[in-house]
C-alpha atoms as a PDB file:
ATOM      1  CA  MET A   1     -71.571  13.553   4.123  1.00  0.00           C
ATOM      2  CA  HIS A   2     -69.741  10.268   2.987  1.00  0.00           C
ATOM      3  CA  LYS A   3     -68.900   7.606   5.407  1.00  0.00           C
ATOM      4  CA  VAL A   4     -65.915   6.331   4.878  1.00  0.00           C
ATOM      5  CA  TRP A   5     -65.067   2.723   6.002  1.00  0.00           C
ATOM      6  CA  ILE A   6     -61.557   2.364   7.417  1.00  0.00           C
ATOM      7  CA  GLU A   7     -60.179  -0.943   7.567  1.00  0.00           C
ATOM      8  CA  VAL A   8     -56.807  -1.692   9.571  1.00  0.00           C
ATOM      9  CA  ALA A   9     -54.934  -4.428   8.576  1.00  0.00           C
ATOM     10  CA  LEU A  10     -52.989  -5.505  11.653  1.00  0.00           C
ATOM     11  CA  ASN A  11     -49.947  -7.429  10.564  1.00  0.00           C
ATOM     12  CA  GLY A  12     -50.151  -9.790   7.474  1.00  0.00           C
ATOM     13  CA  ALA A  13     -47.795 -12.790   7.272  1.00  0.00           C
ATOM     14  CA  TRP A  14     -44.499 -10.703   7.891  1.00  0.00           C
ATOM     15  CA  ASN A  15     -41.891 -10.478  10.847  1.00  0.00           C
ATOM     16  CA  ARG A  16     -40.330  -8.169  12.854  1.00  0.00           C
ATOM     17  CA  LYS A  17     -37.322  -8.022  10.441  1.00  0.00           C
ATOM     18  CA  LEU A  18     -39.811  -6.536   7.515  1.00  0.00           C
ATOM     19  CA  GLN A  19     -41.969  -4.834  10.326  1.00  0.00           C
ATOM     20  CA  PRO A  20     -40.376  -4.245  13.477  1.00  0.00           C
ATOM     21  CA  LEU A  21     -43.801  -2.748  15.076  1.00  0.00           C
ATOM     22  CA  LEU A  22     -45.874  -5.781  14.242  1.00  0.00           C
ATOM     23  CA  PRO A  23     -47.969  -7.344  16.423  1.00  0.00           C
ATOM     24  CA  ASP A  24     -47.257 -10.893  16.907  1.00  0.00           C
ATOM     25  CA  THR A  25     -48.798 -12.154  19.984  1.00  0.00           C
ATOM     26  CA  VAL A  26     -52.273 -12.513  20.820  1.00  0.00           C
ATOM     27  CA  ASP A  27     -52.445  -9.908  23.788  1.00  0.00           C
ATOM     28  CA  ALA A  28     -50.801  -7.626  21.140  1.00  0.00           C
ATOM     29  CA  ILE A  29     -52.987  -8.236  18.497  1.00  0.00           C
ATOM     30  CA  VAL A  30     -55.980  -7.708  20.745  1.00  0.00           C
ATOM     31  CA  ALA A  31     -54.697  -4.270  22.257  1.00  0.00           C
ATOM     32  CA  GLU A  32     -53.951  -2.908  18.989  1.00  0.00           C
ATOM     33  CA  GLY A  33     -57.457  -3.935  17.465  1.00  0.00           C
ATOM     34  CA  ILE A  34     -59.064  -2.180  20.293  1.00  0.00           C
ATOM     35  CA  ALA A  35     -56.905   0.825  20.119  1.00  0.00           C
ATOM     36  CA  CYS A  36     -57.721   1.156  16.338  1.00  0.00           C
ATOM     37  CA  ALA A  37     -61.387   0.480  16.512  1.00  0.00           C
ATOM     38  CA  ARG A  38     -61.539   3.372  19.064  1.00  0.00           C
ATOM     39  CA  ALA A  39     -59.528   5.662  16.855  1.00  0.00           C
ATOM     40  CA  GLY A  40     -61.983   5.088  13.954  1.00  0.00           C
ATOM     41  CA  ALA A  41     -61.393   1.769  12.386  1.00  0.00           C
ATOM     42  CA  SER A  42     -64.698   0.212  11.364  1.00  0.00           C
ATOM     43  CA  ILE A  43     -62.986  -3.365  10.155  1.00  0.00           C
ATOM     44  CA  ILE A  44     -60.128  -5.108  11.196  1.00  0.00           C
ATOM     45  CA  HIS A  45     -58.430  -7.616   9.261  1.00  0.00           C
ATOM     46  CA  THR A  46     -55.742 -10.221  11.123  1.00  0.00           C
ATOM     47  CA  HIS A  47     -53.432 -12.928  10.675  1.00  0.00           C
ATOM     48  CA  ALA A  48     -53.041 -15.104  13.817  1.00  0.00           C
ATOM     49  CA  PHE A  49     -50.014 -15.244  15.636  1.00  0.00           C
ATOM     50  CA  GLU A  50     -49.097 -16.867  19.139  1.00  0.00           C
ATOM     51  CA  ASP A  51     -45.778 -15.917  20.698  1.00  0.00           C
ATOM     52  CA  GLY A  52     -44.529 -14.804  17.352  1.00  0.00           C
ATOM     53  CA  THR A  53     -45.333 -17.793  15.061  1.00  0.00           C
ATOM     54  CA  HIS A  54     -47.675 -17.395  12.486  1.00  0.00           C
ATOM     55  CA  THR A  55     -50.739 -19.957  12.776  1.00  0.00           C
ATOM     56  CA  PHE A  56     -54.087 -20.734  11.300  1.00  0.00           C
ATOM     57  CA  ASP A  57     -55.384 -22.205  14.453  1.00  0.00           C
ATOM     58  CA  TRP A  58     -58.967 -21.407  14.846  1.00  0.00           C
ATOM     59  CA  GLN A  59     -58.746 -21.136  18.173  1.00  0.00           C
ATOM     60  CA  VAL A  60     -55.732 -18.648  18.256  1.00  0.00           C
ATOM     61  CA  TYR A  61     -58.025 -16.626  15.674  1.00  0.00           C
ATOM     62  CA  ALA A  62     -61.230 -17.013  18.228  1.00  0.00           C
ATOM     63  CA  ARG A  63     -59.030 -15.683  21.271  1.00  0.00           C
ATOM     64  CA  ILE A  64     -58.301 -12.930  19.363  1.00  0.00           C
ATOM     65  CA  ILE A  65     -61.610 -12.025  17.725  1.00  0.00           C
ATOM     66  CA  GLU A  66     -63.237 -12.647  21.129  1.00  0.00           C
ATOM     67  CA  GLY A  67     -61.010 -10.253  22.876  1.00  0.00           C
ATOM     68  CA  ILE A  68     -61.308  -7.713  20.480  1.00  0.00           C
ATOM     69  CA  ARG A  69     -64.978  -7.797  20.287  1.00  0.00           C
ATOM     70  CA  ALA A  70     -65.280  -8.010  24.231  1.00  0.00           C
ATOM     71  CA  LYS A  71     -64.269  -4.297  24.298  1.00  0.00           C
ATOM     72  CA  VAL A  72     -65.630  -2.972  20.660  1.00  0.00           C
ATOM     73  CA  ASP A  73     -68.301  -4.140  18.787  1.00  0.00           C
ATOM     74  CA  VAL A  74     -66.328  -4.432  15.327  1.00  0.00           C
ATOM     75  CA  PRO A  75     -66.003  -6.822  12.728  1.00  0.00           C
ATOM     76  CA  VAL A  76     -62.872  -8.729  12.641  1.00  0.00           C
ATOM     77  CA  TYR A  77     -61.925 -11.164   9.982  1.00  0.00           C
ATOM     78  CA  PRO A  78     -59.029 -13.609   9.083  1.00  0.00           C
ATOM     79  CA  SER A  79     -56.724 -14.536   6.683  1.00  0.00           C
ATOM     80  CA  TYR A  80     -56.147 -17.844   5.416  1.00  0.00           C
ATOM     81  CA  PRO A  81     -52.907 -19.770   4.013  1.00  0.00           C
ATOM     82  CA  ALA A  82     -51.251 -19.597   0.762  1.00  0.00           C
ATOM     83  CA  ILE A  83     -51.353 -22.806  -0.938  1.00  0.00           C
ATOM     84  CA  PRO A  84     -47.796 -24.764  -0.513  1.00  0.00           C
ATOM     85  CA  ALA A  85     -45.883 -26.506  -3.430  1.00  0.00           C
ATOM     86  CA  THR A  86     -47.356 -29.898  -1.962  1.00  0.00           C
ATOM     87  CA  GLY A  87     -50.801 -28.841  -2.747  1.00  0.00           C
ATOM     88  CA  MET A  88     -54.090 -28.245  -0.076  1.00  0.00           C
ATOM     89  CA  THR A  89     -57.149 -28.648  -0.852  1.00  0.00           C
ATOM     90  CA  PRO A  90     -60.137 -26.377  -0.188  1.00  0.00           C
ATOM     91  CA  ALA A  91     -61.560 -27.856   2.438  1.00  0.00           C
ATOM     92  CA  GLU A  92     -58.599 -27.569   4.324  1.00  0.00           C
ATOM     93  CA  ARG A  93     -57.416 -24.415   3.225  1.00  0.00           C
ATOM     94  CA  PHE A  94     -60.513 -22.846   4.672  1.00  0.00           C
ATOM     95  CA  ALA A  95     -61.281 -24.952   7.746  1.00  0.00           C
ATOM     96  CA  HIS A  96     -60.649 -22.519  10.034  1.00  0.00           C
ATOM     97  CA  VAL A  97     -62.825 -20.040   8.480  1.00  0.00           C
ATOM     98  CA  GLU A  98     -65.408 -22.275   8.553  1.00  0.00           C
ATOM     99  CA  VAL A  99     -65.395 -23.020  12.401  1.00  0.00           C
ATOM    100  CA  LEU A 100     -65.003 -19.135  12.926  1.00  0.00           C
ATOM    101  CA  ALA A 101     -68.391 -18.846  11.314  1.00  0.00           C
ATOM    102  CA  GLU A 102     -70.136 -21.646  12.933  1.00  0.00           C
ATOM    103  CA  ARG A 103     -69.074 -19.695  16.069  1.00  0.00           C
ATOM    104  CA  GLY A 104     -70.216 -16.775  14.610  1.00  0.00           C
ATOM    105  CA  LEU A 105     -67.293 -14.872  15.185  1.00  0.00           C
ATOM    106  CA  ILE A 106     -66.979 -13.444  11.531  1.00  0.00           C
ATOM    107  CA  ASP A 107     -68.724 -11.277   9.394  1.00  0.00           C
ATOM    108  CA  PHE A 108     -67.179 -11.641   5.852  1.00  0.00           C
ATOM    109  CA  ALA A 109     -65.789 -14.385   3.708  1.00  0.00           C
ATOM    110  CA  VAL A 110     -62.442 -13.412   2.443  1.00  0.00           C
ATOM    111  CA  ILE A 111     -61.140 -15.209  -0.698  1.00  0.00           C
ATOM    112  CA  ASP A 112     -59.047 -13.496  -3.523  1.00  0.00           C
ATOM    113  CA  PRO A 113     -60.319 -14.615  -7.111  1.00  0.00           C
ATOM    114  CA  GLY A 114     -56.805 -14.972  -8.790  1.00  0.00           C
ATOM    115  CA  SER A 115     -53.245 -15.956  -8.707  1.00  0.00           C
ATOM    116  CA  VAL A 116     -50.088 -13.356  -8.747  1.00  0.00           C
ATOM    117  CA  ASN A 117     -46.378 -13.603  -8.847  1.00  0.00           C
ATOM    118  CA  PHE A 118     -44.916 -11.466  -6.013  1.00  0.00           C
ATOM    119  CA  THR A 119     -41.894 -10.346  -8.429  1.00  0.00           C
ATOM    120  CA  THR A 120     -40.215  -7.119  -6.876  1.00  0.00           C
ATOM    121  CA  THR A 121     -40.049  -4.004  -8.599  1.00  0.00           C
ATOM    122  CA  THR A 122     -36.060  -4.043  -8.342  1.00  0.00           C
ATOM    123  CA  ALA A 123     -35.856  -7.965  -9.136  1.00  0.00           C
ATOM    124  CA  THR A 124     -32.512  -8.611 -11.241  1.00  0.00           C
ATOM    125  CA  ALA A 125     -31.142 -11.558 -13.193  1.00  0.00           C
ATOM    126  CA  THR A 126     -29.732 -12.863  -9.812  1.00  0.00           C
ATOM    127  CA  THR A 127     -32.819 -12.456  -7.859  1.00  0.00           C
ATOM    128  CA  LYS A 128     -34.267 -15.469  -6.076  1.00  0.00           C
ATOM    129  CA  PRO A 129     -37.644 -16.347  -8.106  1.00  0.00           C
ATOM    130  CA  ALA A 130     -40.711 -14.684  -6.314  1.00  0.00           C
ATOM    131  CA  PHE A 131     -43.255 -16.258  -4.553  1.00  0.00           C
ATOM    132  CA  THR A 132     -46.507 -17.012  -6.534  1.00  0.00           C
ATOM    133  CA  TYR A 133     -49.808 -16.579  -4.202  1.00  0.00           C
ATOM    134  CA  LEU A 134     -51.955 -19.331  -5.361  1.00  0.00           C
ATOM    135  CA  ASN A 135     -56.081 -19.059  -5.789  1.00  0.00           C
ATOM    136  CA  PRO A 136     -57.012 -22.021  -8.251  1.00  0.00           C
ATOM    137  CA  GLU A 137     -60.880 -21.715  -9.258  1.00  0.00           C
ATOM    138  CA  ALA A 138     -61.860 -24.399  -7.402  1.00  0.00           C
ATOM    139  CA  HIS A 139     -60.708 -22.863  -4.238  1.00  0.00           C
ATOM    140  CA  VAL A 140     -62.554 -19.851  -5.083  1.00  0.00           C
ATOM    141  CA  ARG A 141     -65.766 -21.377  -5.858  1.00  0.00           C
ATOM    142  CA  TYR A 142     -65.278 -23.364  -2.706  1.00  0.00           C
ATOM    143  CA  ALA A 143     -65.254 -20.190  -0.754  1.00  0.00           C
ATOM    144  CA  LEU A 144     -67.709 -18.507  -2.323  1.00  0.00           C
ATOM    145  CA  ASP A 145     -70.011 -21.363  -2.273  1.00  0.00           C
ATOM    146  CA  PHE A 146     -69.389 -20.991   1.555  1.00  0.00           C
ATOM    147  CA  ALA A 147     -69.981 -17.375   1.840  1.00  0.00           C
ATOM    148  CA  ALA A 148     -73.226 -17.868  -0.549  1.00  0.00           C
ATOM    149  CA  ARG A 149     -74.630 -20.588   2.412  1.00  0.00           C
ATOM    150  CA  LYS A 150     -73.684 -18.141   5.247  1.00  0.00           C
ATOM    151  CA  GLY A 151     -74.907 -15.016   3.729  1.00  0.00           C
ATOM    152  CA  PHE A 152     -71.622 -13.301   3.808  1.00  0.00           C
ATOM    153  CA  HIS A 153     -70.404 -10.572   1.355  1.00  0.00           C
ATOM    154  CA  PRO A 154     -66.924 -11.835   0.076  1.00  0.00           C
ATOM    155  CA  ALA A 155     -63.924  -9.491   0.837  1.00  0.00           C
ATOM    156  CA  PHE A 156     -62.008  -9.576  -2.802  1.00  0.00           C
ATOM    157  CA  ALA A 157     -58.263  -8.756  -3.034  1.00  0.00           C
ATOM    158  CA  ILE A 158     -57.939  -7.467  -6.500  1.00  0.00           C
ATOM    159  CA  TYR A 159     -54.121  -7.689  -7.154  1.00  0.00           C
ATOM    160  CA  GLU A 160     -54.722  -7.311 -10.715  1.00  0.00           C
ATOM    161  CA  PRO A 161     -57.306  -5.669 -13.173  1.00  0.00           C
ATOM    162  CA  GLY A 162     -58.766  -9.301 -14.363  1.00  0.00           C
ATOM    163  CA  PHE A 163     -59.268 -10.287 -10.630  1.00  0.00           C
ATOM    164  CA  THR A 164     -62.341  -7.995 -10.882  1.00  0.00           C
ATOM    165  CA  ARG A 165     -63.623  -9.499 -13.978  1.00  0.00           C
ATOM    166  CA  ALA A 166     -63.144 -12.914 -12.706  1.00  0.00           C
ATOM    167  CA  GLY A 167     -64.682 -12.130  -9.353  1.00  0.00           C
ATOM    168  CA  ALA A 168     -67.711 -10.728 -10.373  1.00  0.00           C
ATOM    169  CA  ALA A 169     -68.091 -13.460 -13.059  1.00  0.00           C
ATOM    170  CA  LEU A 170     -67.804 -15.892 -10.326  1.00  0.00           C
ATOM    171  CA  ALA A 171     -69.699 -14.122  -7.683  1.00  0.00           C
ATOM    172  CA  ARG A 172     -72.630 -14.220 -10.119  1.00  0.00           C
ATOM    173  CA  ALA A 173     -72.265 -17.769 -10.859  1.00  0.00           C
ATOM    174  CA  THR A 174     -72.604 -18.669  -7.199  1.00  0.00           C
ATOM    175  CA  GLY A 175     -75.421 -16.502  -6.294  1.00  0.00           C
ATOM    176  CA  VAL A 176     -73.235 -14.761  -3.468  1.00  0.00           C
ATOM    177  CA  LYS A 177     -74.261 -11.571  -2.118  1.00  0.00           C
ATOM    178  CA  ALA A 178     -72.292  -8.255  -3.585  1.00  0.00           C
ATOM    179  CA  PRO A 179     -68.609  -8.540  -2.964  1.00  0.00           C
ATOM    180  CA  ILE A 180     -66.174  -5.890  -1.771  1.00  0.00           C
ATOM    181  CA  TYR A 181     -63.423  -5.157  -4.151  1.00  0.00           C
ATOM    182  CA  ARG A 182     -60.198  -4.152  -2.582  1.00  0.00           C
ATOM    183  CA  PHE A 183     -57.785  -2.515  -5.054  1.00  0.00           C
ATOM    184  CA  MET A 184     -54.148  -3.704  -4.112  1.00  0.00           C
ATOM    185  CA  PHE A 185     -51.434  -1.024  -5.006  1.00  0.00           C
ATOM    186  CA  SER A 186     -47.827  -1.525  -4.494  1.00  0.00           C
ATOM    187  CA  ASP A 187     -44.480   0.223  -4.956  1.00  0.00           C
ATOM    188  CA  ARG A 188     -42.399  -2.612  -4.058  1.00  0.00           C
ATOM    189  CA  PHE A 189     -44.285  -5.470  -5.907  1.00  0.00           C
ATOM    190  CA  ALA A 190     -44.840  -5.375  -9.332  1.00  0.00           C
ATOM    191  CA  PHE A 191     -48.287  -6.386  -9.483  1.00  0.00           C
ATOM    192  CA  ASN A 192     -51.143  -4.282 -10.344  1.00  0.00           C
ATOM    193  CA  PHE A 193     -50.536  -0.368 -10.541  1.00  0.00           C
ATOM    194  CA  PRO A 194     -48.552   1.855  -8.556  1.00  0.00           C
ATOM    195  CA  PRO A 195     -50.864   4.131  -5.980  1.00  0.00           C
ATOM    196  CA  ARG A 196     -51.704   6.709  -8.779  1.00  0.00           C
ATOM    197  CA  PRO A 197     -55.136   8.581  -9.739  1.00  0.00           C
ATOM    198  CA  TYR A 198     -55.108   7.009 -13.050  1.00  0.00           C
ATOM    199  CA  ALA A 199     -54.860   3.510 -11.648  1.00  0.00           C
ATOM    200  CA  LEU A 200     -57.743   4.183  -9.246  1.00  0.00           C
ATOM    201  CA  ALA A 201     -59.859   5.631 -12.383  1.00  0.00           C
ATOM    202  CA  ALA A 202     -58.760   2.577 -14.396  1.00  0.00           C
ATOM    203  CA  HIS A 203     -59.944   0.227 -11.764  1.00  0.00           C
ATOM    204  CA  LEU A 204     -63.488   2.302 -11.189  1.00  0.00           C
ATOM    205  CA  ALA A 205     -64.096   2.182 -14.586  1.00  0.00           C
ATOM    206  CA  LEU A 206     -63.681  -1.572 -15.049  1.00  0.00           C
ATOM    207  CA  LEU A 207     -65.542  -2.075 -11.696  1.00  0.00           C
ATOM    208  CA  GLU A 208     -68.436   0.071 -12.503  1.00  0.00           C
ATOM    209  CA  GLU A 209     -68.450  -2.204 -16.260  1.00  0.00           C
ATOM    210  CA  GLU A 210     -68.428  -5.337 -14.411  1.00  0.00           C
ATOM    211  CA  ALA A 211     -70.141  -5.120 -10.921  1.00  0.00           C
ATOM    212  CA  GLY A 212     -71.588  -1.797 -11.082  1.00  0.00           C
ATOM    213  CA  PRO A 213     -71.875   0.345  -7.785  1.00  0.00           C
ATOM    214  CA  ALA A 214     -70.211  -2.457  -5.703  1.00  0.00           C
ATOM    215  CA  PRO A 215     -68.352  -1.168  -2.493  1.00  0.00           C
ATOM    216  CA  TRP A 216     -64.866  -0.934  -2.579  1.00  0.00           C
ATOM    217  CA  MET A 217     -61.451   0.525  -1.106  1.00  0.00           C
ATOM    218  CA  ILE A 218     -58.042   1.352  -1.730  1.00  0.00           C
ATOM    219  CA  ALA A 219     -54.984  -1.076   0.045  1.00  0.00           C
ATOM    220  CA  GLY A 220     -51.838  -2.712  -1.294  1.00  0.00           C
ATOM    221  CA  LEU A 221     -48.704  -4.135   0.317  1.00  0.00           C
ATOM    222  CA  ALA A 222     -45.612  -2.535   1.200  1.00  0.00           C
ATOM    223  CA  VAL A 223     -47.258   0.843  -0.139  1.00  0.00           C
ATOM    224  CA  ASP A 224     -48.505   4.336   1.233  1.00  0.00           C
ATOM    225  CA  VAL A 225     -52.006   4.741  -0.129  1.00  0.00           C
ATOM    226  CA  ARG A 226     -52.571   8.183   1.782  1.00  0.00           C
ATOM    227  CA  PRO A 227     -52.091  10.451  -1.318  1.00  0.00           C
ATOM    228  CA  LEU A 228     -55.038   8.485  -3.026  1.00  0.00           C
ATOM    229  CA  ILE A 229     -57.396   9.151   0.134  1.00  0.00           C
ATOM    230  CA  GLY A 230     -58.545  12.320  -1.101  1.00  0.00           C
ATOM    231  CA  GLU A 231     -59.858  10.920  -4.394  1.00  0.00           C
ATOM    232  CA  THR A 232     -61.191   7.829  -2.629  1.00  0.00           C
ATOM    233  CA  VAL A 233     -63.272  10.168  -0.612  1.00  0.00           C
ATOM    234  CA  ALA A 234     -64.636  12.016  -3.438  1.00  0.00           C
ATOM    235  CA  ARG A 235     -65.285   9.059  -5.587  1.00  0.00           C
ATOM    236  CA  GLY A 236     -67.096   7.550  -2.783  1.00  0.00           C
ATOM    237  CA  GLY A 237     -64.822   4.382  -1.918  1.00  0.00           C
ATOM    238  CA  HIS A 238     -63.082   3.126   1.336  1.00  0.00           C
ATOM    239  CA  VAL A 239     -59.669   2.996   2.878  1.00  0.00           C
ATOM    240  CA  ARG A 240     -57.621   0.356   4.219  1.00  0.00           C
ATOM    241  CA  VAL A 241     -54.366   0.809   6.003  1.00  0.00           C
ATOM    242  CA  GLY A 242     -51.941  -0.926   8.736  1.00  0.00           C
ATOM    243  CA  LEU A 243     -48.759  -2.994   9.125  1.00  0.00           C
ATOM    244  CA  GLU A 244     -49.651  -5.272   6.482  1.00  0.00           C
ATOM    245  CA  ASP A 245     -50.188  -3.013   3.761  1.00  0.00           C
ATOM    246  CA  ALA A 246     -47.212   0.033   4.732  1.00  0.00           C
ATOM    247  CA  PRO A 247     -44.020   0.273   3.535  1.00  0.00           C
ATOM    248  CA  MET A 248     -41.503  -2.189   5.150  1.00  0.00           C
ATOM    249  CA  GLY A 249     -39.810  -0.923   7.966  1.00  0.00           C
ATOM    250  CA  THR A 250     -42.475   1.848   8.680  1.00  0.00           C
ATOM    251  CA  THR A 251     -41.963   3.946  11.958  1.00  0.00           C
ATOM    252  CA  MET A 252     -45.629   4.459  12.176  1.00  0.00           C
ATOM    253  CA  ASN A 253     -47.593   1.811  14.198  1.00  0.00           C
ATOM    254  CA  ASN A 254     -51.221   0.439  13.264  1.00  0.00           C
ATOM    255  CA  LEU A 255     -52.782   3.335  15.609  1.00  0.00           C
ATOM    256  CA  ALA A 256     -50.737   5.908  14.131  1.00  0.00           C
ATOM    257  CA  TRP A 257     -51.795   4.828  10.332  1.00  0.00           C
ATOM    258  CA  VAL A 258     -55.454   4.442  11.263  1.00  0.00           C
ATOM    259  CA  GLU A 259     -55.336   8.102  13.260  1.00  0.00           C
ATOM    260  CA  ASP A 260     -53.627   9.533   9.717  1.00  0.00           C
ATOM    261  CA  ALA A 261     -55.992   8.100   7.928  1.00  0.00           C
ATOM    262  CA  VAL A 262     -59.021   9.437   9.881  1.00  0.00           C
ATOM    263  CA  ARG A 263     -57.225  13.107   9.601  1.00  0.00           C
ATOM    264  CA  LEU A 264     -57.151  12.517   5.923  1.00  0.00           C
ATOM    265  CA  VAL A 265     -60.765  11.335   5.346  1.00  0.00           C
ATOM    266  CA  ARG A 266     -61.963  14.446   7.092  1.00  0.00           C
ATOM    267  CA  ALA A 267     -59.685  16.676   5.129  1.00  0.00           C
ATOM    268  CA  ALA A 268     -61.537  15.463   1.999  1.00  0.00           C
ATOM    269  CA  GLY A 269     -64.757  15.992   3.311  1.00  0.00           C
ATOM    270  CA  GLY A 270     -65.454  12.456   4.638  1.00  0.00           C
ATOM    271  CA  GLU A 271     -66.532  11.088   7.889  1.00  0.00           C
ATOM    272  CA  PRO A 272     -65.033   7.745   9.516  1.00  0.00           C
ATOM    273  CA  ALA A 273     -68.159   5.337   9.468  1.00  0.00           C
ATOM    274  CA  THR A 274     -68.554   3.599  12.728  1.00  0.00           C
ATOM    275  CA  ALA A 275     -68.600  -0.273  12.688  1.00  0.00           C
ATOM    276  CA  ALA A 276     -72.748  -0.135  13.191  1.00  0.00           C
ATOM    277  CA  GLU A 277     -72.662   2.380  10.190  1.00  0.00           C
ATOM    278  CA  MET A 278     -70.559  -0.140   7.926  1.00  0.00           C
ATOM    279  CA  ARG A 279     -72.603  -2.784   8.607  1.00  0.00           C
ATOM    280  CA  VAL A 280     -75.846  -0.919   7.616  1.00  0.00           C
ATOM    281  CA  ALA A 281     -74.086   0.356   4.441  1.00  0.00           C
ATOM    282  CA  LEU A 282     -73.075  -2.939   3.411  1.00  0.00           C
ATOM    283  CA  ALA A 283     -76.300  -4.494   3.809  1.00  0.00           C
ATOM    284  CA  GLY A 284     -78.180  -1.637   1.925  1.00  0.00           C
ATOM    285  CA  SER A 285     -75.916  -2.392  -1.026  1.00  0.00           C
ATOM    286  CA  LEU A 286     -76.628  -5.003  -3.855  1.00  0.00           C
ATOM    287  CA  VAL A 287     -78.182  -7.905  -2.326  1.00  0.00           C
ATOM    288  CA  GLN A 288     -76.632 -10.107  -4.853  1.00  0.00           C
ATOM    289  CA  ALA A 289     -73.760  -9.800  -7.483  1.00  0.00           C
ATOM    290  CA  ARG A 290     -75.016  -8.279 -10.506  1.00  0.00           C
END
């Protein structure tokens, strides 16, 4: 039986206007992380908030991670800032990640191997130009070098198919362990593909060509990936859900998204992996990027 990793992305950088059920305090994030892990999530991703304010303060992240891990042994990994117009050095951008790693608090090094415009599918001539999420290659290489030194598997968000090609090439160049490829679908934003079977097939064909049998999962932003869960399980993949990824204004909280993912994984003949099973499977994947 295929053991499926279920990752929950608890919040993202959204706010309560866009996602009313968003956990945006340390206590709320910790409580939801624990509940989701107990319900079947084997990986937790979170942005840090303190009293409703988004932050990359490593100490706030440490309180969140330690709070969750005091109750459940589950990997919890952070985000990192988008580069502002004024610029940011790689060392500044990933400083909090490095501190958390030095303290033994994280299992993954997250880096997205390319840049993308967050153009919406409803853009008009008068729409404000979209935000550009920037990941210069110098920043990608810096993060991958760090992951190689720490022995981490990088977690790649694949916002465009070319991210798979670039990520695989840079993973080989830096000698890092096999990355996890997370295919980022969307209905609201015009990057990548909508969540359709043909899109998943295209991603998997390219991934096989570029990286061989690397671990992968379905995910996205402002999207419901549940219709793809059955095919994902059949093809040996994994699943991410949660309020960072869900359609804006969803009435389902993080726990409900995880519980439904568990139900659909089982309906497709899979079984949610425990955090321990996920760690064993990841360690058994290709030691180094092909």
